[in-house]
N, C-alpha and C. Protein backbone atom coordinates (compact mmCIF):
# COMPACT_ATOMS: atom_id res chain seq x y z
N MET A 1 0.84 -1.17 0.00
CA MET A 1 0.00 0.00 0.00
C MET A 1 0.89 1.24 0.00
N THR A 2 0.49 2.21 -0.82
CA THR A 2 1.30 3.43 -0.93
C THR A 2 1.09 4.30 0.30
N PRO A 3 2.08 5.16 0.60
CA PRO A 3 1.94 6.06 1.75
C PRO A 3 0.69 6.95 1.65
N LYS A 4 0.33 7.36 0.41
CA LYS A 4 -0.86 8.18 0.23
C LYS A 4 -2.12 7.43 0.66
N ARG A 5 -2.19 6.16 0.26
CA ARG A 5 -3.36 5.35 0.60
C ARG A 5 -3.43 5.09 2.11
N VAL A 6 -2.31 4.87 2.73
CA VAL A 6 -2.27 4.65 4.17
C VAL A 6 -2.76 5.90 4.89
N LEU A 7 -2.26 7.06 4.46
CA LEU A 7 -2.68 8.33 5.06
C LEU A 7 -4.17 8.55 4.86
N PHE A 8 -4.65 8.30 3.65
CA PHE A 8 -6.07 8.44 3.36
C PHE A 8 -6.90 7.51 4.25
N LEU A 9 -6.47 6.27 4.40
CA LEU A 9 -7.17 5.30 5.22
C LEU A 9 -7.20 5.74 6.69
N ILE A 10 -6.10 6.24 7.18
CA ILE A 10 -6.03 6.71 8.57
C ILE A 10 -6.99 7.88 8.78
N ILE A 11 -6.97 8.84 7.87
CA ILE A 11 -7.86 10.01 7.98
C ILE A 11 -9.32 9.56 7.90
N TYR A 12 -9.64 8.69 6.96
CA TYR A 12 -11.01 8.20 6.78
C TYR A 12 -11.51 7.47 8.04
N LEU A 13 -10.70 6.59 8.59
CA LEU A 13 -11.09 5.85 9.79
C LEU A 13 -11.23 6.78 11.00
N SER A 14 -10.33 7.76 11.12
CA SER A 14 -10.41 8.72 12.23
C SER A 14 -11.71 9.51 12.16
N LEU A 15 -12.05 10.01 10.99
CA LEU A 15 -13.29 10.77 10.83
C LEU A 15 -14.51 9.90 11.08
N SER A 16 -14.49 8.68 10.56
CA SER A 16 -15.62 7.77 10.75
C SER A 16 -15.84 7.46 12.22
N LEU A 17 -14.77 7.15 12.93
CA LEU A 17 -14.88 6.85 14.36
C LEU A 17 -15.32 8.07 15.15
N SER A 18 -14.83 9.22 14.76
CA SER A 18 -15.21 10.46 15.42
C SER A 18 -16.71 10.72 15.26
N LEU A 19 -17.22 10.57 14.05
CA LEU A 19 -18.64 10.76 13.81
C LEU A 19 -19.48 9.72 14.54
N LEU A 20 -19.03 8.49 14.56
CA LEU A 20 -19.72 7.41 15.25
C LEU A 20 -19.77 7.69 16.75
N ALA A 21 -18.69 8.15 17.30
CA ALA A 21 -18.63 8.44 18.73
C ALA A 21 -19.58 9.59 19.08
N GLN A 22 -19.66 10.60 18.21
CA GLN A 22 -20.54 11.74 18.47
C GLN A 22 -22.00 11.30 18.48
N THR A 23 -22.40 10.46 17.55
CA THR A 23 -23.79 10.02 17.47
C THR A 23 -24.16 9.14 18.65
N SER A 24 -23.28 8.25 19.06
CA SER A 24 -23.62 7.32 20.12
C SER A 24 -23.68 8.01 21.49
N ASP A 25 -23.02 9.16 21.65
CA ASP A 25 -23.05 9.88 22.92
C ASP A 25 -24.41 10.52 23.19
N CYS A 26 -25.13 10.83 22.15
CA CYS A 26 -26.39 11.54 22.30
C CYS A 26 -27.55 10.57 22.15
N LYS A 27 -28.08 10.09 23.28
CA LYS A 27 -29.14 9.09 23.26
C LYS A 27 -30.51 9.69 22.96
N CYS A 28 -30.64 11.00 23.13
CA CYS A 28 -31.97 11.63 22.99
C CYS A 28 -31.93 12.81 22.03
N CYS A 29 -31.26 12.63 20.92
CA CYS A 29 -31.10 13.72 19.95
C CYS A 29 -32.00 13.59 18.73
N SER A 30 -33.01 12.74 18.79
CA SER A 30 -33.88 12.58 17.63
C SER A 30 -34.88 13.73 17.53
N GLU A 31 -35.53 13.82 16.40
CA GLU A 31 -36.57 14.83 16.19
C GLU A 31 -37.70 14.64 17.21
N ASN A 32 -38.05 13.39 17.50
CA ASN A 32 -39.09 13.12 18.49
C ASN A 32 -38.70 13.62 19.88
N HIS A 33 -37.43 13.44 20.25
CA HIS A 33 -36.97 13.90 21.56
C HIS A 33 -36.97 15.42 21.66
N ALA A 34 -36.91 16.11 20.54
CA ALA A 34 -36.89 17.57 20.53
C ALA A 34 -38.27 18.18 20.30
N ALA A 35 -39.29 17.35 20.17
CA ALA A 35 -40.63 17.84 19.80
C ALA A 35 -41.24 18.81 20.82
N PHE A 36 -40.85 18.72 22.07
CA PHE A 36 -41.43 19.55 23.13
C PHE A 36 -40.49 20.69 23.53
N ASP A 37 -39.39 20.86 22.79
CA ASP A 37 -38.40 21.88 23.14
C ASP A 37 -38.97 23.30 23.08
N PHE A 38 -40.06 23.51 22.36
CA PHE A 38 -40.65 24.86 22.29
C PHE A 38 -41.15 25.33 23.65
N TRP A 39 -41.30 24.41 24.59
CA TRP A 39 -41.77 24.75 25.94
C TRP A 39 -40.63 25.12 26.88
N ILE A 40 -39.39 24.88 26.48
CA ILE A 40 -38.23 25.18 27.32
C ILE A 40 -38.11 26.69 27.52
N GLY A 41 -37.85 27.09 28.77
CA GLY A 41 -37.63 28.51 29.05
C GLY A 41 -38.18 28.89 30.41
N SER A 42 -38.06 30.19 30.70
CA SER A 42 -38.65 30.76 31.91
C SER A 42 -39.83 31.60 31.46
N TRP A 43 -40.98 31.35 32.08
CA TRP A 43 -42.24 31.91 31.60
C TRP A 43 -43.02 32.60 32.70
N GLU A 44 -43.69 33.69 32.33
CA GLU A 44 -44.76 34.24 33.15
C GLU A 44 -46.05 33.73 32.51
N VAL A 45 -46.94 33.18 33.32
CA VAL A 45 -48.15 32.57 32.79
C VAL A 45 -49.36 33.39 33.24
N THR A 46 -50.19 33.74 32.27
CA THR A 46 -51.40 34.51 32.56
C THR A 46 -52.64 33.68 32.22
N ASN A 47 -53.70 33.94 32.99
CA ASN A 47 -54.99 33.33 32.72
C ASN A 47 -55.63 34.01 31.51
N LYS A 48 -56.70 33.42 31.03
CA LYS A 48 -57.40 33.96 29.87
C LYS A 48 -57.85 35.40 30.10
N ASP A 49 -58.19 35.75 31.34
CA ASP A 49 -58.64 37.11 31.66
C ASP A 49 -57.48 38.10 31.84
N GLY A 50 -56.23 37.61 31.68
CA GLY A 50 -55.06 38.48 31.78
C GLY A 50 -54.42 38.50 33.16
N SER A 51 -55.07 37.92 34.16
CA SER A 51 -54.49 37.89 35.51
C SER A 51 -53.31 36.91 35.54
N ILE A 52 -52.39 37.16 36.45
CA ILE A 52 -51.20 36.32 36.58
C ILE A 52 -51.59 34.98 37.21
N ALA A 53 -51.23 33.88 36.53
CA ALA A 53 -51.47 32.54 37.06
C ALA A 53 -50.26 32.05 37.84
N GLY A 54 -49.06 32.44 37.37
CA GLY A 54 -47.85 32.00 38.05
C GLY A 54 -46.63 32.09 37.16
N LYS A 55 -45.57 31.45 37.60
CA LYS A 55 -44.32 31.41 36.84
C LYS A 55 -43.94 29.94 36.65
N ASN A 56 -43.32 29.66 35.51
CA ASN A 56 -42.95 28.29 35.20
C ASN A 56 -41.58 28.28 34.54
N THR A 57 -40.75 27.36 34.93
CA THR A 57 -39.44 27.19 34.32
C THR A 57 -39.34 25.75 33.83
N ILE A 58 -38.98 25.61 32.54
CA ILE A 58 -38.84 24.30 31.94
C ILE A 58 -37.41 24.18 31.43
N VAL A 59 -36.70 23.13 31.87
CA VAL A 59 -35.31 22.91 31.48
C VAL A 59 -35.13 21.47 31.01
N LYS A 60 -34.10 21.27 30.20
CA LYS A 60 -33.74 19.91 29.77
C LYS A 60 -32.69 19.39 30.74
N ILE A 61 -32.88 18.15 31.18
CA ILE A 61 -31.95 17.53 32.12
C ILE A 61 -31.66 16.10 31.65
N GLU A 62 -30.82 15.41 32.40
CA GLU A 62 -30.50 14.01 32.15
C GLU A 62 -30.04 13.77 30.72
N GLY A 63 -28.99 14.51 30.32
CA GLY A 63 -28.43 14.33 28.99
C GLY A 63 -29.39 14.72 27.89
N ASP A 64 -30.23 15.72 28.15
CA ASP A 64 -31.25 16.21 27.20
C ASP A 64 -32.33 15.19 26.92
N CYS A 65 -32.55 14.24 27.83
CA CYS A 65 -33.58 13.22 27.65
C CYS A 65 -34.88 13.56 28.36
N VAL A 66 -34.87 14.53 29.28
CA VAL A 66 -36.03 14.83 30.11
C VAL A 66 -36.25 16.33 30.18
N LEU A 67 -37.52 16.74 30.09
CA LEU A 67 -37.89 18.12 30.38
C LEU A 67 -38.43 18.14 31.81
N ARG A 68 -37.89 19.04 32.62
CA ARG A 68 -38.39 19.20 34.00
C ARG A 68 -39.08 20.54 34.11
N GLU A 69 -40.30 20.50 34.59
CA GLU A 69 -41.10 21.71 34.80
C GLU A 69 -41.11 22.03 36.28
N ASN A 70 -40.94 23.32 36.61
CA ASN A 70 -41.05 23.79 38.00
C ASN A 70 -42.04 24.94 38.02
N TRP A 71 -43.22 24.67 38.55
CA TRP A 71 -44.32 25.63 38.58
C TRP A 71 -44.44 26.28 39.95
N THR A 72 -44.60 27.61 39.96
CA THR A 72 -44.91 28.36 41.17
C THR A 72 -46.15 29.19 40.86
N SER A 73 -47.22 28.89 41.54
CA SER A 73 -48.49 29.55 41.30
C SER A 73 -48.52 30.95 41.91
N ALA A 74 -49.35 31.80 41.33
CA ALA A 74 -49.59 33.11 41.92
C ALA A 74 -50.37 32.96 43.23
N THR A 75 -51.05 31.84 43.38
CA THR A 75 -51.71 31.52 44.65
C THR A 75 -50.62 31.11 45.63
N PRO A 76 -50.43 31.86 46.70
CA PRO A 76 -49.32 31.58 47.62
C PRO A 76 -49.30 30.14 48.12
N GLY A 77 -48.09 29.55 48.09
CA GLY A 77 -47.88 28.23 48.66
C GLY A 77 -48.11 27.06 47.72
N TYR A 78 -48.61 27.30 46.51
CA TYR A 78 -48.88 26.17 45.61
C TYR A 78 -47.76 26.04 44.58
N THR A 79 -47.14 24.86 44.55
CA THR A 79 -46.07 24.58 43.59
C THR A 79 -46.26 23.18 43.03
N GLY A 80 -45.59 22.93 41.93
CA GLY A 80 -45.64 21.60 41.34
C GLY A 80 -44.50 21.40 40.37
N THR A 81 -44.29 20.16 40.01
CA THR A 81 -43.24 19.85 39.05
C THR A 81 -43.70 18.71 38.16
N SER A 82 -43.15 18.68 36.97
CA SER A 82 -43.43 17.53 36.10
C SER A 82 -42.15 17.08 35.43
N LEU A 83 -42.13 15.81 35.11
CA LEU A 83 -41.06 15.22 34.30
C LEU A 83 -41.70 14.77 33.01
N ASN A 84 -41.08 15.14 31.89
CA ASN A 84 -41.62 14.85 30.57
C ASN A 84 -40.53 14.21 29.74
N PHE A 85 -40.87 13.11 29.04
CA PHE A 85 -39.85 12.44 28.23
C PHE A 85 -40.51 11.70 27.08
N TYR A 86 -39.72 11.50 26.03
CA TYR A 86 -40.18 10.71 24.89
C TYR A 86 -39.85 9.26 25.16
N ASN A 87 -40.87 8.42 25.22
CA ASN A 87 -40.70 7.01 25.50
C ASN A 87 -40.53 6.26 24.18
N LEU A 88 -39.31 5.83 23.90
CA LEU A 88 -39.02 5.13 22.65
C LEU A 88 -39.81 3.83 22.50
N LYS A 89 -40.08 3.18 23.61
CA LYS A 89 -40.76 1.89 23.56
C LYS A 89 -42.19 2.03 23.03
N ILE A 90 -42.92 3.04 23.50
CA ILE A 90 -44.30 3.22 23.05
C ILE A 90 -44.44 4.34 22.02
N LYS A 91 -43.32 4.99 21.71
CA LYS A 91 -43.27 6.07 20.71
C LYS A 91 -44.25 7.20 21.04
N GLN A 92 -44.24 7.60 22.31
CA GLN A 92 -45.08 8.70 22.78
C GLN A 92 -44.36 9.50 23.85
N TRP A 93 -44.80 10.74 24.00
CA TRP A 93 -44.36 11.55 25.11
C TRP A 93 -45.16 11.16 26.34
N GLU A 94 -44.50 11.22 27.49
CA GLU A 94 -45.17 10.97 28.76
C GLU A 94 -44.87 12.10 29.72
N GLN A 95 -45.85 12.42 30.57
CA GLN A 95 -45.65 13.42 31.61
C GLN A 95 -46.15 12.86 32.93
N LEU A 96 -45.38 13.12 33.98
CA LEU A 96 -45.83 12.84 35.34
C LEU A 96 -45.78 14.16 36.10
N TRP A 97 -46.95 14.65 36.49
CA TRP A 97 -47.08 15.89 37.25
C TRP A 97 -47.34 15.53 38.71
N ILE A 98 -46.64 16.20 39.62
CA ILE A 98 -46.86 16.02 41.05
C ILE A 98 -46.78 17.41 41.68
N ASP A 99 -47.76 17.71 42.56
CA ASP A 99 -47.71 19.02 43.21
C ASP A 99 -47.57 18.87 44.72
N ASN A 100 -47.44 20.01 45.41
CA ASN A 100 -47.18 19.96 46.85
C ASN A 100 -48.43 19.68 47.68
N SER A 101 -49.56 19.40 47.02
CA SER A 101 -50.74 18.95 47.75
C SER A 101 -50.85 17.42 47.69
N GLY A 102 -49.92 16.79 46.95
CA GLY A 102 -49.94 15.35 46.81
C GLY A 102 -50.69 14.87 45.58
N ALA A 103 -51.29 15.79 44.83
CA ALA A 103 -52.01 15.40 43.62
C ALA A 103 -51.01 15.04 42.52
N HIS A 104 -51.43 14.15 41.64
CA HIS A 104 -50.56 13.78 40.52
C HIS A 104 -51.43 13.53 39.29
N LEU A 105 -50.79 13.60 38.14
CA LEU A 105 -51.47 13.39 36.87
C LEU A 105 -50.47 12.74 35.92
N LYS A 106 -50.90 11.67 35.27
CA LYS A 106 -50.06 11.00 34.27
C LYS A 106 -50.70 11.20 32.91
N LEU A 107 -49.88 11.63 31.94
CA LEU A 107 -50.36 11.91 30.60
C LEU A 107 -49.45 11.26 29.57
N LYS A 108 -49.98 11.05 28.37
CA LYS A 108 -49.15 10.58 27.26
C LYS A 108 -49.76 11.05 25.95
N GLY A 109 -48.91 11.19 24.94
CA GLY A 109 -49.39 11.64 23.64
C GLY A 109 -48.23 12.05 22.75
N ASN A 110 -48.51 12.87 21.76
CA ASN A 110 -47.49 13.28 20.79
C ASN A 110 -47.75 14.68 20.26
N LYS A 111 -46.80 15.15 19.47
CA LYS A 111 -46.91 16.46 18.84
C LYS A 111 -47.57 16.30 17.47
N PHE A 112 -48.50 17.20 17.21
CA PHE A 112 -49.18 17.26 15.92
C PHE A 112 -49.10 18.70 15.44
N GLY A 113 -48.35 18.93 14.38
CA GLY A 113 -48.15 20.31 13.91
C GLY A 113 -47.44 21.12 14.97
N ASN A 114 -48.07 22.23 15.37
CA ASN A 114 -47.47 23.09 16.40
C ASN A 114 -48.06 22.83 17.78
N GLN A 115 -48.66 21.65 17.99
CA GLN A 115 -49.28 21.34 19.27
C GLN A 115 -48.77 20.02 19.85
N MET A 116 -48.47 20.06 21.15
CA MET A 116 -48.19 18.84 21.91
C MET A 116 -49.50 18.52 22.63
N ILE A 117 -50.05 17.33 22.38
CA ILE A 117 -51.33 16.94 22.96
C ILE A 117 -51.12 15.68 23.78
N LEU A 118 -51.30 15.82 25.10
CA LEU A 118 -51.13 14.71 26.03
C LEU A 118 -52.45 14.46 26.78
N SER A 119 -52.80 13.20 26.94
CA SER A 119 -54.05 12.83 27.60
C SER A 119 -53.82 11.80 28.69
N SER A 120 -54.73 11.79 29.65
CA SER A 120 -54.69 10.79 30.71
C SER A 120 -55.42 9.55 30.25
N ASP A 121 -55.27 8.48 31.02
CA ASP A 121 -56.13 7.32 30.84
C ASP A 121 -57.53 7.71 31.32
N GLU A 122 -58.51 6.93 30.94
CA GLU A 122 -59.87 7.15 31.43
C GLU A 122 -59.91 6.97 32.94
N PHE A 123 -60.78 7.75 33.60
CA PHE A 123 -60.98 7.56 35.03
C PHE A 123 -62.46 7.78 35.34
N ILE A 124 -62.91 7.15 36.40
CA ILE A 124 -64.30 7.31 36.84
C ILE A 124 -64.34 8.35 37.95
N HIS A 125 -65.13 9.38 37.74
CA HIS A 125 -65.28 10.46 38.72
C HIS A 125 -66.33 10.06 39.76
N THR A 126 -66.48 10.85 40.80
CA THR A 126 -67.45 10.55 41.86
C THR A 126 -68.89 10.53 41.35
N ASP A 127 -69.14 11.16 40.19
CA ASP A 127 -70.49 11.13 39.61
C ASP A 127 -70.76 9.84 38.84
N GLY A 128 -69.75 8.94 38.79
CA GLY A 128 -69.91 7.66 38.13
C GLY A 128 -69.62 7.69 36.63
N LYS A 129 -69.34 8.88 36.09
CA LYS A 129 -69.07 9.00 34.65
C LYS A 129 -67.57 8.83 34.37
N ILE A 130 -67.27 8.46 33.13
CA ILE A 130 -65.88 8.26 32.70
C ILE A 130 -65.38 9.55 32.04
N TYR A 131 -64.18 9.96 32.44
CA TYR A 131 -63.57 11.20 31.93
C TYR A 131 -62.13 10.95 31.49
N ILE A 132 -61.62 11.91 30.72
CA ILE A 132 -60.21 11.94 30.30
C ILE A 132 -59.73 13.38 30.45
N ASN A 133 -58.53 13.56 30.99
CA ASN A 133 -57.87 14.87 30.98
C ASN A 133 -57.08 14.98 29.69
N ARG A 134 -57.18 16.13 29.03
CA ARG A 134 -56.38 16.38 27.83
C ARG A 134 -55.76 17.76 27.96
N ILE A 135 -54.42 17.80 27.86
CA ILE A 135 -53.73 19.09 27.92
C ILE A 135 -53.02 19.29 26.58
N THR A 136 -53.24 20.48 26.01
CA THR A 136 -52.65 20.83 24.73
C THR A 136 -51.78 22.07 24.91
N TRP A 137 -50.52 21.96 24.49
CA TRP A 137 -49.60 23.10 24.46
C TRP A 137 -49.46 23.50 23.00
N THR A 138 -49.75 24.77 22.70
CA THR A 138 -49.67 25.27 21.34
C THR A 138 -48.53 26.26 21.23
N GLU A 139 -47.61 25.98 20.31
CA GLU A 139 -46.48 26.87 20.04
C GLU A 139 -46.98 27.97 19.10
N ASN A 140 -47.02 29.20 19.61
CA ASN A 140 -47.49 30.33 18.81
C ASN A 140 -46.34 30.99 18.07
N SER A 141 -46.64 31.61 16.94
CA SER A 141 -45.61 32.21 16.09
C SER A 141 -44.91 33.40 16.76
N ASN A 142 -45.53 34.01 17.77
CA ASN A 142 -44.92 35.17 18.44
C ASN A 142 -44.03 34.78 19.63
N GLY A 143 -43.77 33.46 19.81
CA GLY A 143 -42.88 33.02 20.88
C GLY A 143 -43.59 32.66 22.17
N THR A 144 -44.90 32.84 22.23
CA THR A 144 -45.66 32.44 23.39
C THR A 144 -46.14 31.00 23.23
N VAL A 145 -46.62 30.43 24.32
CA VAL A 145 -47.17 29.07 24.30
C VAL A 145 -48.50 29.10 25.05
N ARG A 146 -49.53 28.55 24.43
CA ARG A 146 -50.83 28.43 25.11
C ARG A 146 -50.94 27.02 25.68
N GLN A 147 -51.39 26.94 26.94
CA GLN A 147 -51.66 25.64 27.56
C GLN A 147 -53.15 25.58 27.86
N LEU A 148 -53.80 24.56 27.30
CA LEU A 148 -55.24 24.38 27.49
C LEU A 148 -55.50 23.00 28.09
N TRP A 149 -56.09 22.98 29.30
CA TRP A 149 -56.40 21.74 30.00
C TRP A 149 -57.91 21.54 29.96
N GLU A 150 -58.32 20.50 29.24
CA GLU A 150 -59.73 20.20 29.08
C GLU A 150 -60.05 18.85 29.70
N VAL A 151 -61.29 18.71 30.17
CA VAL A 151 -61.79 17.43 30.64
C VAL A 151 -62.84 16.99 29.63
N LEU A 152 -62.70 15.74 29.15
CA LEU A 152 -63.60 15.21 28.14
C LEU A 152 -64.40 14.04 28.69
N SER A 153 -65.61 13.92 28.21
CA SER A 153 -66.44 12.75 28.49
C SER A 153 -67.13 12.38 27.19
N GLU A 154 -67.01 11.13 26.83
CA GLU A 154 -67.57 10.63 25.57
C GLU A 154 -67.09 11.46 24.38
N GLY A 155 -65.81 11.88 24.43
CA GLY A 155 -65.20 12.61 23.33
C GLY A 155 -65.54 14.09 23.26
N LYS A 156 -66.34 14.59 24.18
CA LYS A 156 -66.75 16.00 24.17
C LYS A 156 -66.16 16.72 25.36
N VAL A 157 -65.76 17.98 25.14
CA VAL A 157 -65.23 18.81 26.22
C VAL A 157 -66.37 19.17 27.17
N VAL A 158 -66.20 18.81 28.45
CA VAL A 158 -67.23 19.12 29.45
C VAL A 158 -66.75 20.18 30.45
N ASN A 159 -65.43 20.44 30.45
CA ASN A 159 -64.90 21.44 31.37
C ASN A 159 -63.52 21.88 30.91
N VAL A 160 -63.22 23.15 31.12
CA VAL A 160 -61.87 23.68 30.90
C VAL A 160 -61.31 24.01 32.27
N LEU A 161 -60.24 23.28 32.66
CA LEU A 161 -59.64 23.49 33.98
C LEU A 161 -58.60 24.60 33.97
N PHE A 162 -57.97 24.83 32.82
CA PHE A 162 -56.94 25.87 32.74
C PHE A 162 -56.78 26.29 31.29
N ASP A 163 -56.67 27.60 31.07
CA ASP A 163 -56.38 28.15 29.76
C ASP A 163 -55.40 29.29 29.98
N GLY A 164 -54.12 28.99 29.83
CA GLY A 164 -53.09 29.96 30.16
C GLY A 164 -52.18 30.28 29.00
N LEU A 165 -51.61 31.48 29.04
CA LEU A 165 -50.66 31.92 28.03
C LEU A 165 -49.30 32.09 28.67
N TYR A 166 -48.31 31.39 28.13
CA TYR A 166 -46.92 31.47 28.59
C TYR A 166 -46.21 32.55 27.78
N SER A 167 -45.67 33.54 28.47
CA SER A 167 -44.87 34.60 27.83
C SER A 167 -43.47 34.51 28.38
N PRO A 168 -42.46 34.56 27.49
CA PRO A 168 -41.08 34.43 27.98
C PRO A 168 -40.71 35.55 28.94
N ILE A 169 -40.00 35.18 30.01
CA ILE A 169 -39.46 36.18 30.94
C ILE A 169 -38.11 36.60 30.37
N LYS A 170 -37.94 37.87 30.19
CA LYS A 170 -36.71 38.37 29.58
C LYS A 170 -35.67 38.68 30.62
């Protein structure tokens, strides 16, 4: 083998290994893993009537595999957090919300267009009817995010629990 070919082979193998090493280091770098990145940031959240609902900070953690939400309500003393991740096994996003009152909510779903839509499993309420929680985050073109929490029964919206607008804190 000529010295030129040996040099070429060494350079080629070095670049190939370098690229391979870069890809294998990032376990959560797919388009699906980045689908909820529009929610990352520090936000002031307002209710539909314009009143302050609270502040929320969303960051990527665990090697960019998890979004962690830290909510502080305008109502004194109420806080909560959620962990959000793309589950490769079921090919869906999952969220686990837990607040300081001990309440929790588990959701799953995916992004459709500019909306992340996550829903709970069916549950039976004290009235004996079956319901589903559905939360939709809409990425707006002006950099804000709308969060709409609806309760559905038989596929129809029966209640809106929250309709908030996230505005970036500068």
